[in-house]
Amino acid sequence: MRWRRGSGGGDVEDLRGRGGIPGGRVGGGLGGLGLVGIVVALLVTFLGGGGGAFSPDASLDGFPTAPAAPQGSMAAGAPDPDEELVGFVTFVVGDVQDSWERSFARAGRPYDRTRLRLFTGGVRTGCGAASSATGPFYCPADRGVYLDLAFFRELRDRFGAPGDFAQAYVIAHEFGHHVQNVLGIMPQVSREQARDPGRANELSVRLELQADCLAGIWGRSAYDAGRLEEGDLQEGLAAASAVGDDRIQAQAGGGVDPDAFTHGTSEQRARWFLRGFEGGELAACDTFSGAV
C-alpha cells in the first residue's frame, strides 16, 4: 500500500507503557420499530439526508487472540522499534477518517472523528479494562479504537495473513464500528440484544459483517485514490477470511459450532468486505435484511 509519513497524527494517541483512561459502561433497551426497520431507516436517512456495552471477554468487534506475553515499557529516549509501523497506522487512521468525513459531508451530515489509542499489554477504557488478548477493539462508551501493535505480528504468524493492507483492513474494520455508532446502528443492535438474548449472537454477526463491508468501502476509496498496489486487495480478503469464526474455532481444536459464531464465517467476512469494496457506498452494506 502506498502511504505517506507525517499525516493523521492527531487521530492517534500513543499509550504504550502508560495506563489508559477511566472505565465506565453503557446500555439501553429497544422498543417500537423492529431492528431491521431501524437499521434500514438509518441507512436510508444517511444516503438521502442530504452504544452498546463492551467487556473484554465479549467485545463487540474483536479479532480474538492468544494471551500475549507481558511486555515492558520502552526506556526513555530509546529508539522505537515500531516507529515505521506506528507511522503506517497513523496514516491509515487519518485516511480512513478523511474518507468517512467526505462521505458524510456528501450526505449533508457531520462525521465525528475519534482516536485510535495504541497500548501495550493492557489498557483502561471507557468500557472497562482490556488486555492485548482481547485483540483490536472499539469502545462505544468513549468512541475510541484500541490496538496493541503485537496483534499485527499475530495476524501474520498465527492467522497467516501478512501484509500492510491486511493491517489496514483491521484498522478500517474497527473504524467501521465507529461509523455504526455515529449512525446509531450500534446502540440499536445492543438494545435489541438485551431485549432478545436468543438473537444476540446472530445480531453480533450481522454487526461485524457490516463493519467488514464498511472497511471495504474505505478500501475502495484508497483504490480510487491510487494507493493500492498489486496484491493489496488479496491481502485484505485473506485477513478477513483468517479471522472467521469457523477458522478460529477449528484452530482451537474444539470443533466448529455455528451457534457460537459472533463475527461470521471466513467466507462471509471476505464476501462482505469485497461487497463494500465493489459497491463503494453504504447502500451495499445492509447486513440486517435477509440472509448474510
C-alpha atoms as a PDB file:
ATOM      1  CA  MET A   1       0.000   0.000   0.000  1.00  0.00           C
ATOM      2  CA  ARG A   2       1.306   3.444  -0.874  1.00  0.00           C
ATOM      3  CA  TRP A   3       1.326   5.687   2.168  1.00  0.00           C
ATOM      4  CA  ARG A   4       2.850   8.939   3.374  1.00  0.00           C
ATOM      5  CA  ARG A   5       4.557   9.668   6.647  1.00  0.00           C
ATOM      6  CA  GLY A   6       3.536  12.584   8.790  1.00  0.00           C
ATOM      7  CA  SER A   7      -0.253  12.630   8.276  1.00  0.00           C
ATOM      8  CA  GLY A   8      -3.160  11.736  10.557  1.00  0.00           C
ATOM      9  CA  GLY A   9      -1.109  12.291  13.708  1.00  0.00           C
ATOM     10  CA  GLY A  10      -3.924  13.988  15.591  1.00  0.00           C
ATOM     11  CA  ASP A  11      -6.048  10.844  15.287  1.00  0.00           C
ATOM     12  CA  VAL A  12      -3.592   8.534  17.100  1.00  0.00           C
ATOM     13  CA  GLU A  13      -2.777   8.612  20.799  1.00  0.00           C
ATOM     14  CA  ASP A  14       0.203   6.590  21.988  1.00  0.00           C
ATOM     15  CA  LEU A  15      -0.480   4.991  25.370  1.00  0.00           C
ATOM     16  CA  ARG A  16       2.235   2.358  25.128  1.00  0.00           C
ATOM     17  CA  GLY A  17       3.828   1.932  28.522  1.00  0.00           C
ATOM     18  CA  ARG A  18       1.130   4.002  30.242  1.00  0.00           C
ATOM     19  CA  GLY A  19      -2.325   3.425  31.687  1.00  0.00           C
ATOM     20  CA  GLY A  20      -5.491   4.071  29.737  1.00  0.00           C
ATOM     21  CA  ILE A  21      -8.474   6.208  30.740  1.00  0.00           C
ATOM     22  CA  PRO A  22     -11.113   5.813  33.441  1.00  0.00           C
ATOM     23  CA  GLY A  23     -13.605   2.986  32.966  1.00  0.00           C
ATOM     24  CA  GLY A  24     -17.392   3.025  32.580  1.00  0.00           C
ATOM     25  CA  ARG A  25     -20.280   1.210  30.888  1.00  0.00           C
ATOM     26  CA  VAL A  26     -23.326   1.989  28.761  1.00  0.00           C
ATOM     27  CA  GLY A  27     -26.524   0.124  27.966  1.00  0.00           C
ATOM     28  CA  GLY A  28     -30.173   0.514  26.960  1.00  0.00           C
ATOM     29  CA  GLY A  29     -33.323  -1.102  25.584  1.00  0.00           C
ATOM     30  CA  LEU A  30     -35.131  -1.111  22.255  1.00  0.00           C
ATOM     31  CA  GLY A  31     -38.823  -0.528  21.704  1.00  0.00           C
ATOM     32  CA  GLY A  32     -41.172   0.302  18.883  1.00  0.00           C
ATOM     33  CA  LEU A  33     -39.867  -0.299  15.356  1.00  0.00           C
ATOM     34  CA  GLY A  34     -38.132  -3.646  14.716  1.00  0.00           C
ATOM     35  CA  LEU A  35     -34.359  -3.711  14.427  1.00  0.00           C
ATOM     36  CA  VAL A  36     -34.241  -4.361  10.685  1.00  0.00           C
ATOM     37  CA  GLY A  37     -36.577  -1.440  10.095  1.00  0.00           C
ATOM     38  CA  ILE A  38     -34.496   0.837  12.287  1.00  0.00           C
ATOM     39  CA  VAL A  39     -31.196  -0.064  10.627  1.00  0.00           C
ATOM     40  CA  VAL A  40     -32.636   0.272   7.124  1.00  0.00           C
ATOM     41  CA  ALA A  41     -34.176   3.611   8.103  1.00  0.00           C
ATOM     42  CA  LEU A  42     -30.838   4.830   9.417  1.00  0.00           C
ATOM     43  CA  LEU A  43     -29.115   3.824   6.194  1.00  0.00           C
ATOM     44  CA  VAL A  44     -31.795   5.446   4.061  1.00  0.00           C
ATOM     45  CA  THR A  45     -31.664   8.614   6.158  1.00  0.00           C
ATOM     46  CA  PHE A  46     -27.907   8.794   5.722  1.00  0.00           C
ATOM     47  CA  LEU A  47     -27.998   8.136   1.995  1.00  0.00           C
ATOM     48  CA  GLY A  48     -30.857  10.528   1.321  1.00  0.00           C
ATOM     49  CA  GLY A  49     -30.208  13.073   4.090  1.00  0.00           C
ATOM     50  CA  GLY A  50     -28.563  15.161   2.079  1.00  0.00           C
ATOM     51  CA  GLY A  51     -23.533   2.405  22.488  1.00  0.00           C
ATOM     52  CA  GLY A  52     -23.567  -0.775  23.197  1.00  0.00           C
ATOM     53  CA  ALA A  53     -21.706  -2.292  26.146  1.00  0.00           C
ATOM     54  CA  PHE A  54     -18.226  -3.754  25.868  1.00  0.00           C
ATOM     55  CA  SER A  55     -16.496  -6.263  28.067  1.00  0.00           C
ATOM     56  CA  PRO A  56     -13.021  -7.715  27.480  1.00  0.00           C
ATOM     57  CA  ASP A  57     -14.478 -11.214  27.315  1.00  0.00           C
ATOM     58  CA  ALA A  58     -17.175 -10.397  24.773  1.00  0.00           C
ATOM     59  CA  SER A  59     -16.131  -7.449  22.647  1.00  0.00           C
ATOM     60  CA  LEU A  60     -18.437  -6.045  20.022  1.00  0.00           C
ATOM     61  CA  ASP A  61     -15.845  -6.084  17.338  1.00  0.00           C
ATOM     62  CA  GLY A  62     -12.772  -8.055  18.073  1.00  0.00           C
ATOM     63  CA  PHE A  63     -10.150 -10.141  16.474  1.00  0.00           C
ATOM     64  CA  PRO A  64      -9.631 -12.837  19.140  1.00  0.00           C
ATOM     65  CA  THR A  65      -6.028 -13.532  20.006  1.00  0.00           C
ATOM     66  CA  ALA A  66      -3.963 -15.787  22.182  1.00  0.00           C
ATOM     67  CA  PRO A  67      -2.907 -14.293  25.526  1.00  0.00           C
ATOM     68  CA  ALA A  68       0.051 -12.023  24.952  1.00  0.00           C
ATOM     69  CA  ALA A  69       3.310 -12.354  26.824  1.00  0.00           C
ATOM     70  CA  PRO A  70       3.983  -9.443  29.172  1.00  0.00           C
ATOM     71  CA  GLN A  71       5.990  -6.678  27.528  1.00  0.00           C
ATOM     72  CA  GLY A  72       7.980  -3.973  29.217  1.00  0.00           C
ATOM     73  CA  SER A  73       7.842  -0.279  28.515  1.00  0.00           C
ATOM     74  CA  MET A  74      10.294   1.382  26.206  1.00  0.00           C
ATOM     75  CA  ALA A  75      13.139   3.044  28.036  1.00  0.00           C
ATOM     76  CA  ALA A  76      13.001   6.815  27.938  1.00  0.00           C
ATOM     77  CA  GLY A  77      14.873   8.106  24.914  1.00  0.00           C
ATOM     78  CA  ALA A  78      15.295   4.630  23.390  1.00  0.00           C
ATOM     79  CA  PRO A  79      14.516   4.250  19.682  1.00  0.00           C
ATOM     80  CA  ASP A  80      11.040   2.896  18.978  1.00  0.00           C
ATOM     81  CA  PRO A  81      11.358  -0.486  17.222  1.00  0.00           C
ATOM     82  CA  ASP A  82       7.842   0.014  15.830  1.00  0.00           C
ATOM     83  CA  GLU A  83       8.388   3.537  14.556  1.00  0.00           C
ATOM     84  CA  GLU A  84       7.712   2.578  10.937  1.00  0.00           C
ATOM     85  CA  LEU A  85       4.585   0.629  11.877  1.00  0.00           C
ATOM     86  CA  VAL A  86       3.288   3.490  14.012  1.00  0.00           C
ATOM     87  CA  GLY A  87       3.758   5.802  11.035  1.00  0.00           C
ATOM     88  CA  PHE A  88       1.778   3.430   8.827  1.00  0.00           C
ATOM     89  CA  VAL A  89      -1.023   3.061  11.370  1.00  0.00           C
ATOM     90  CA  THR A  90      -1.173   6.834  11.769  1.00  0.00           C
ATOM     91  CA  PHE A  91      -1.520   7.315   8.026  1.00  0.00           C
ATOM     92  CA  VAL A  92      -4.251   4.672   7.679  1.00  0.00           C
ATOM     93  CA  VAL A  93      -6.243   6.058  10.599  1.00  0.00           C
ATOM     94  CA  GLY A  94      -6.154   9.538   9.103  1.00  0.00           C
ATOM     95  CA  ASP A  95      -7.028   8.275   5.634  1.00  0.00           C
ATOM     96  CA  VAL A  96      -9.941   6.153   6.878  1.00  0.00           C
ATOM     97  CA  GLN A  97     -11.412   9.072   8.789  1.00  0.00           C
ATOM     98  CA  ASP A  98     -10.808  11.559   5.971  1.00  0.00           C
ATOM     99  CA  SER A  99     -12.711   9.182   3.697  1.00  0.00           C
ATOM    100  CA  TRP A 100     -15.689   8.921   6.052  1.00  0.00           C
ATOM    101  CA  GLU A 101     -15.648  12.665   6.636  1.00  0.00           C
ATOM    102  CA  ARG A 102     -16.023  13.220   2.898  1.00  0.00           C
ATOM    103  CA  SER A 103     -18.725  10.581   2.635  1.00  0.00           C
ATOM    104  CA  PHE A 104     -20.747  12.075   5.469  1.00  0.00           C
ATOM    105  CA  ALA A 105     -20.312  15.584   4.046  1.00  0.00           C
ATOM    106  CA  ARG A 106     -21.754  14.446   0.717  1.00  0.00           C
ATOM    107  CA  ALA A 107     -24.821  13.261   2.627  1.00  0.00           C
ATOM    108  CA  GLY A 108     -25.049  16.562   4.490  1.00  0.00           C
ATOM    109  CA  ARG A 109     -24.141  15.066   7.857  1.00  0.00           C
ATOM    110  CA  PRO A 110     -21.234  15.677  10.239  1.00  0.00           C
ATOM    111  CA  TYR A 111     -18.750  12.914  10.956  1.00  0.00           C
ATOM    112  CA  ASP A 112     -17.353  12.880  14.492  1.00  0.00           C
ATOM    113  CA  ARG A 113     -13.692  11.991  14.280  1.00  0.00           C
ATOM    114  CA  THR A 114     -12.259   9.819  17.010  1.00  0.00           C
ATOM    115  CA  ARG A 115      -8.884   8.425  18.012  1.00  0.00           C
ATOM    116  CA  LEU A 116      -7.022   5.172  17.800  1.00  0.00           C
ATOM    117  CA  ARG A 117      -5.157   4.540  21.030  1.00  0.00           C
ATOM    118  CA  LEU A 118      -2.042   2.393  20.911  1.00  0.00           C
ATOM    119  CA  PHE A 119      -1.325   0.361  24.026  1.00  0.00           C
ATOM    120  CA  THR A 120       0.924  -2.449  25.177  1.00  0.00           C
ATOM    121  CA  GLY A 121      -0.236  -5.373  27.295  1.00  0.00           C
ATOM    122  CA  GLY A 122      -3.355  -3.803  28.784  1.00  0.00           C
ATOM    123  CA  VAL A 123      -5.396  -0.623  28.849  1.00  0.00           C
ATOM    124  CA  ARG A 124      -8.210   1.047  30.773  1.00  0.00           C
ATOM    125  CA  THR A 125     -11.042   2.323  28.580  1.00  0.00           C
ATOM    126  CA  GLY A 126     -14.462   3.870  28.897  1.00  0.00           C
ATOM    127  CA  CYS A 127     -15.790   0.309  28.602  1.00  0.00           C
ATOM    128  CA  GLY A 128     -13.563  -1.179  31.303  1.00  0.00           C
ATOM    129  CA  ALA A 129     -10.143  -2.764  31.396  1.00  0.00           C
ATOM    130  CA  ALA A 130      -8.873  -4.867  28.487  1.00  0.00           C
ATOM    131  CA  SER A 131      -5.733  -6.845  27.750  1.00  0.00           C
ATOM    132  CA  SER A 132      -3.923  -7.469  24.488  1.00  0.00           C
ATOM    133  CA  ALA A 133      -5.642 -10.867  24.385  1.00  0.00           C
ATOM    134  CA  THR A 134      -8.854  -9.017  23.529  1.00  0.00           C
ATOM    135  CA  GLY A 135      -7.412  -8.076  20.152  1.00  0.00           C
ATOM    136  CA  PRO A 136      -8.096  -4.726  18.479  1.00  0.00           C
ATOM    137  CA  PHE A 137     -11.436  -3.320  19.585  1.00  0.00           C
ATOM    138  CA  TYR A 138     -13.783  -0.356  19.535  1.00  0.00           C
ATOM    139  CA  CYS A 139     -15.261   1.012  22.752  1.00  0.00           C
ATOM    140  CA  PRO A 140     -18.608   2.735  22.092  1.00  0.00           C
ATOM    141  CA  ALA A 141     -18.606   4.413  25.519  1.00  0.00           C
ATOM    142  CA  ASP A 142     -15.581   6.598  24.747  1.00  0.00           C
ATOM    143  CA  ARG A 143     -15.723   6.145  20.947  1.00  0.00           C
ATOM    144  CA  GLY A 144     -12.100   5.039  20.875  1.00  0.00           C
ATOM    145  CA  VAL A 145     -10.364   2.360  18.814  1.00  0.00           C
ATOM    146  CA  TYR A 146      -7.722   0.395  20.737  1.00  0.00           C
ATOM    147  CA  LEU A 147      -4.791  -1.533  19.276  1.00  0.00           C
ATOM    148  CA  ASP A 148      -1.734  -3.347  20.575  1.00  0.00           C
ATOM    149  CA  LEU A 149       0.709  -3.473  17.663  1.00  0.00           C
ATOM    150  CA  ALA A 150       1.655  -7.015  18.702  1.00  0.00           C
ATOM    151  CA  PHE A 151      -1.621  -8.125  17.106  1.00  0.00           C
ATOM    152  CA  PHE A 152      -0.201  -7.466  13.659  1.00  0.00           C
ATOM    153  CA  ARG A 153       2.556  -9.972  14.307  1.00  0.00           C
ATOM    154  CA  GLU A 154      -0.069 -12.456  15.417  1.00  0.00           C
ATOM    155  CA  LEU A 155      -2.136 -11.702  12.334  1.00  0.00           C
ATOM    156  CA  ARG A 156       0.883 -12.627  10.239  1.00  0.00           C
ATOM    157  CA  ASP A 157       2.218 -15.591  12.231  1.00  0.00           C
ATOM    158  CA  ARG A 158      -0.848 -17.196  13.815  1.00  0.00           C
ATOM    159  CA  PHE A 159      -3.540 -16.301  11.316  1.00  0.00           C
ATOM    160  CA  GLY A 160      -1.358 -16.469   8.201  1.00  0.00           C
ATOM    161  CA  ALA A 161      -2.408 -13.037   6.926  1.00  0.00           C
ATOM    162  CA  PRO A 162       0.704 -10.923   6.292  1.00  0.00           C
ATOM    163  CA  GLY A 163       0.933  -7.602   4.526  1.00  0.00           C
ATOM    164  CA  ASP A 164       0.305  -3.931   5.199  1.00  0.00           C
ATOM    165  CA  PHE A 165      -3.151  -3.942   3.631  1.00  0.00           C
ATOM    166  CA  ALA A 166      -4.148  -6.809   5.929  1.00  0.00           C
ATOM    167  CA  GLN A 167      -3.220  -4.481   8.793  1.00  0.00           C
ATOM    168  CA  ALA A 168      -5.137  -1.638   7.179  1.00  0.00           C
ATOM    169  CA  TYR A 169      -8.230  -3.860   6.918  1.00  0.00           C
ATOM    170  CA  VAL A 170      -8.131  -4.447  10.686  1.00  0.00           C
ATOM    171  CA  ILE A 171      -7.967  -0.704  11.364  1.00  0.00           C
ATOM    172  CA  ALA A 172     -10.721   0.088   8.851  1.00  0.00           C
ATOM    173  CA  HIS A 173     -12.953  -2.603  10.399  1.00  0.00           C
ATOM    174  CA  GLU A 174     -12.679  -1.001  13.839  1.00  0.00           C
ATOM    175  CA  PHE A 175     -13.456   2.433  12.444  1.00  0.00           C
ATOM    176  CA  GLY A 176     -16.394   0.795  10.696  1.00  0.00           C
ATOM    177  CA  HIS A 177     -17.757   0.229  14.204  1.00  0.00           C
ATOM    178  CA  HIS A 178     -17.328   3.928  14.905  1.00  0.00           C
ATOM    179  CA  VAL A 179     -19.342   4.727  11.781  1.00  0.00           C
ATOM    180  CA  GLN A 180     -22.047   2.347  13.041  1.00  0.00           C
ATOM    181  CA  ASN A 181     -22.009   4.147  16.375  1.00  0.00           C
ATOM    182  CA  VAL A 182     -22.226   7.595  14.790  1.00  0.00           C
ATOM    183  CA  LEU A 183     -25.162   6.460  12.651  1.00  0.00           C
ATOM    184  CA  GLY A 184     -26.938   4.969  15.658  1.00  0.00           C
ATOM    185  CA  ILE A 185     -26.794   1.391  14.393  1.00  0.00           C
ATOM    186  CA  MET A 186     -24.551   0.004  17.129  1.00  0.00           C
ATOM    187  CA  PRO A 187     -26.693   1.266  20.049  1.00  0.00           C
ATOM    188  CA  GLN A 188     -29.831  -0.146  18.442  1.00  0.00           C
ATOM    189  CA  VAL A 189     -28.206  -3.538  17.979  1.00  0.00           C
ATOM    190  CA  SER A 190     -27.000  -3.541  21.579  1.00  0.00           C
ATOM    191  CA  ARG A 191     -30.501  -2.743  22.830  1.00  0.00           C
ATOM    192  CA  GLU A 192     -32.057  -5.455  20.721  1.00  0.00           C
ATOM    193  CA  GLN A 193     -29.505  -7.947  22.045  1.00  0.00           C
ATOM    194  CA  ALA A 194     -30.533  -7.038  25.576  1.00  0.00           C
ATOM    195  CA  ARG A 195     -34.223  -7.315  24.697  1.00  0.00           C
ATOM    196  CA  ASP A 196     -33.866 -10.639  22.850  1.00  0.00           C
ATOM    197  CA  PRO A 197     -30.788 -12.514  24.179  1.00  0.00           C
ATOM    198  CA  GLY A 198     -31.598 -15.505  21.976  1.00  0.00           C
ATOM    199  CA  ARG A 199     -30.647 -13.419  18.937  1.00  0.00           C
ATOM    200  CA  ALA A 200     -27.566 -11.849  20.498  1.00  0.00           C
ATOM    201  CA  ASN A 201     -25.030 -13.905  18.520  1.00  0.00           C
ATOM    202  CA  GLU A 202     -26.900 -13.540  15.235  1.00  0.00           C
ATOM    203  CA  LEU A 203     -27.080  -9.768  15.673  1.00  0.00           C
ATOM    204  CA  SER A 204     -23.409  -9.639  16.596  1.00  0.00           C
ATOM    205  CA  VAL A 205     -22.547 -11.465  13.366  1.00  0.00           C
ATOM    206  CA  ARG A 206     -24.614  -9.011  11.312  1.00  0.00           C
ATOM    207  CA  LEU A 207     -22.952  -6.061  13.040  1.00  0.00           C
ATOM    208  CA  GLU A 208     -19.471  -7.461  12.440  1.00  0.00           C
ATOM    209  CA  LEU A 209     -20.135  -8.249   8.805  1.00  0.00           C
ATOM    210  CA  GLN A 210     -21.394  -4.729   8.279  1.00  0.00           C
ATOM    211  CA  ALA A 211     -18.129  -3.401   9.768  1.00  0.00           C
ATOM    212  CA  ASP A 212     -16.256  -5.623   7.295  1.00  0.00           C
ATOM    213  CA  CYS A 213     -18.328  -4.127   4.492  1.00  0.00           C
ATOM    214  CA  LEU A 214     -17.609  -0.602   5.716  1.00  0.00           C
ATOM    215  CA  ALA A 215     -13.903  -1.463   5.746  1.00  0.00           C
ATOM    216  CA  GLY A 216     -14.324  -2.485   2.109  1.00  0.00           C
ATOM    217  CA  ILE A 217     -15.843   0.907   1.285  1.00  0.00           C
ATOM    218  CA  TRP A 218     -12.718   2.588   2.630  1.00  0.00           C
ATOM    219  CA  GLY A 219     -10.598   0.102   0.666  1.00  0.00           C
ATOM    220  CA  ARG A 220     -12.375   1.217  -2.485  1.00  0.00           C
ATOM    221  CA  SER A 221     -11.668   4.866  -1.701  1.00  0.00           C
ATOM    222  CA  ALA A 222      -7.986   4.031  -1.244  1.00  0.00           C
ATOM    223  CA  TYR A 223      -8.029   2.188  -4.571  1.00  0.00           C
ATOM    224  CA  ASP A 224      -9.696   5.119  -6.317  1.00  0.00           C
ATOM    225  CA  ALA A 225      -7.008   7.406  -4.879  1.00  0.00           C
ATOM    226  CA  GLY A 226      -4.275   5.197  -6.361  1.00  0.00           C
ATOM    227  CA  ARG A 227      -2.953   3.991  -3.022  1.00  0.00           C
ATOM    228  CA  LEU A 228      -3.395   0.252  -3.541  1.00  0.00           C
ATOM    229  CA  GLU A 229      -0.629  -1.860  -5.003  1.00  0.00           C
ATOM    230  CA  GLU A 230      -0.821  -5.228  -6.726  1.00  0.00           C
ATOM    231  CA  GLY A 231      -1.882  -7.877  -4.243  1.00  0.00           C
ATOM    232  CA  ASP A 232      -3.297  -5.460  -1.641  1.00  0.00           C
ATOM    233  CA  LEU A 233      -6.922  -6.464  -2.158  1.00  0.00           C
ATOM    234  CA  GLN A 234      -5.947 -10.112  -1.838  1.00  0.00           C
ATOM    235  CA  GLU A 235      -4.191  -9.293   1.462  1.00  0.00           C
ATOM    236  CA  GLY A 236      -7.349  -7.676   2.786  1.00  0.00           C
ATOM    237  CA  LEU A 237      -9.529 -10.599   1.726  1.00  0.00           C
ATOM    238  CA  ALA A 238      -7.080 -13.057   3.267  1.00  0.00           C
ATOM    239  CA  ALA A 239      -7.155 -11.164   6.570  1.00  0.00           C
ATOM    240  CA  ALA A 240     -10.960 -11.060   6.612  1.00  0.00           C
ATOM    241  CA  SER A 241     -11.066 -14.793   5.932  1.00  0.00           C
ATOM    242  CA  ALA A 242      -8.380 -15.561   8.514  1.00  0.00           C
ATOM    243  CA  VAL A 243     -10.448 -14.202  11.399  1.00  0.00           C
ATOM    244  CA  GLY A 244     -13.679 -16.028  10.569  1.00  0.00           C
ATOM    245  CA  ASP A 245     -15.365 -17.771  13.499  1.00  0.00           C
ATOM    246  CA  ASP A 246     -15.218 -21.172  11.819  1.00  0.00           C
ATOM    247  CA  ARG A 247     -11.498 -20.925  11.159  1.00  0.00           C
ATOM    248  CA  ILE A 248     -10.702 -19.696  14.669  1.00  0.00           C
ATOM    249  CA  GLN A 249     -12.794 -22.443  16.253  1.00  0.00           C
ATOM    250  CA  ALA A 250     -11.151 -25.067  14.059  1.00  0.00           C
ATOM    251  CA  GLN A 251      -7.704 -23.774  15.057  1.00  0.00           C
ATOM    252  CA  ALA A 252      -8.678 -24.071  18.705  1.00  0.00           C
ATOM    253  CA  GLY A 253      -9.361 -27.774  18.150  1.00  0.00           C
ATOM    254  CA  GLY A 254     -12.798 -27.844  19.752  1.00  0.00           C
ATOM    255  CA  GLY A 255     -14.854 -28.318  16.604  1.00  0.00           C
ATOM    256  CA  VAL A 256     -16.951 -25.758  14.744  1.00  0.00           C
ATOM    257  CA  ASP A 257     -20.186 -24.605  16.419  1.00  0.00           C
ATOM    258  CA  PRO A 258     -22.215 -22.205  14.229  1.00  0.00           C
ATOM    259  CA  ASP A 259     -24.483 -21.349  17.174  1.00  0.00           C
ATOM    260  CA  ALA A 260     -21.475 -19.810  18.911  1.00  0.00           C
ATOM    261  CA  PHE A 261     -20.475 -17.573  15.987  1.00  0.00           C
ATOM    262  CA  THR A 262     -20.294 -13.866  16.834  1.00  0.00           C
ATOM    263  CA  HIS A 263     -18.326 -12.446  13.889  1.00  0.00           C
ATOM    264  CA  GLY A 264     -19.198 -14.535  10.845  1.00  0.00           C
ATOM    265  CA  THR A 265     -17.514 -17.276   8.885  1.00  0.00           C
ATOM    266  CA  SER A 266     -14.365 -16.815   6.853  1.00  0.00           C
ATOM    267  CA  GLU A 267     -16.432 -16.869   3.664  1.00  0.00           C
ATOM    268  CA  GLN A 268     -18.927 -14.311   4.983  1.00  0.00           C
ATOM    269  CA  ARG A 269     -16.297 -11.898   6.234  1.00  0.00           C
ATOM    270  CA  ALA A 270     -14.343 -11.929   2.992  1.00  0.00           C
ATOM    271  CA  ARG A 271     -17.548 -11.679   0.939  1.00  0.00           C
ATOM    272  CA  TRP A 272     -18.871  -8.658   2.797  1.00  0.00           C
ATOM    273  CA  PHE A 273     -15.502  -6.914   2.698  1.00  0.00           C
ATOM    274  CA  LEU A 274     -15.468  -7.458  -1.065  1.00  0.00           C
ATOM    275  CA  ARG A 275     -19.070  -6.295  -1.364  1.00  0.00           C
ATOM    276  CA  GLY A 276     -18.164  -2.998   0.254  1.00  0.00           C
ATOM    277  CA  PHE A 277     -15.080  -2.686  -1.935  1.00  0.00           C
ATOM    278  CA  GLU A 278     -17.041  -3.324  -5.115  1.00  0.00           C
ATOM    279  CA  GLY A 279     -20.072  -1.239  -4.124  1.00  0.00           C
ATOM    280  CA  GLY A 280     -18.166   1.680  -2.641  1.00  0.00           C
ATOM    281  CA  GLU A 281     -21.297   3.040  -0.956  1.00  0.00           C
ATOM    282  CA  LEU A 282     -23.148   2.496   2.303  1.00  0.00           C
ATOM    283  CA  ALA A 283     -26.126   1.059   0.424  1.00  0.00           C
ATOM    284  CA  ALA A 284     -24.036  -2.056  -0.262  1.00  0.00           C
ATOM    285  CA  CYS A 285     -23.733  -2.784   3.463  1.00  0.00           C
ATOM    286  CA  ASP A 286     -27.212  -3.645   4.690  1.00  0.00           C
ATOM    287  CA  THR A 287     -26.415  -6.858   6.555  1.00  0.00           C
ATOM    288  CA  PHE A 288     -29.623  -6.691   8.591  1.00  0.00           C
ATOM    289  CA  SER A 289     -32.046  -7.578   5.801  1.00  0.00           C
ATOM    290  CA  GLY A 290     -32.291 -11.203   4.688  1.00  0.00           C
ATOM    291  CA  ALA A 291     -29.578 -13.832   4.889  1.00  0.00           C
ATOM    292  CA  VAL A 292     -25.930 -12.960   5.346  1.00  0.00           C
END
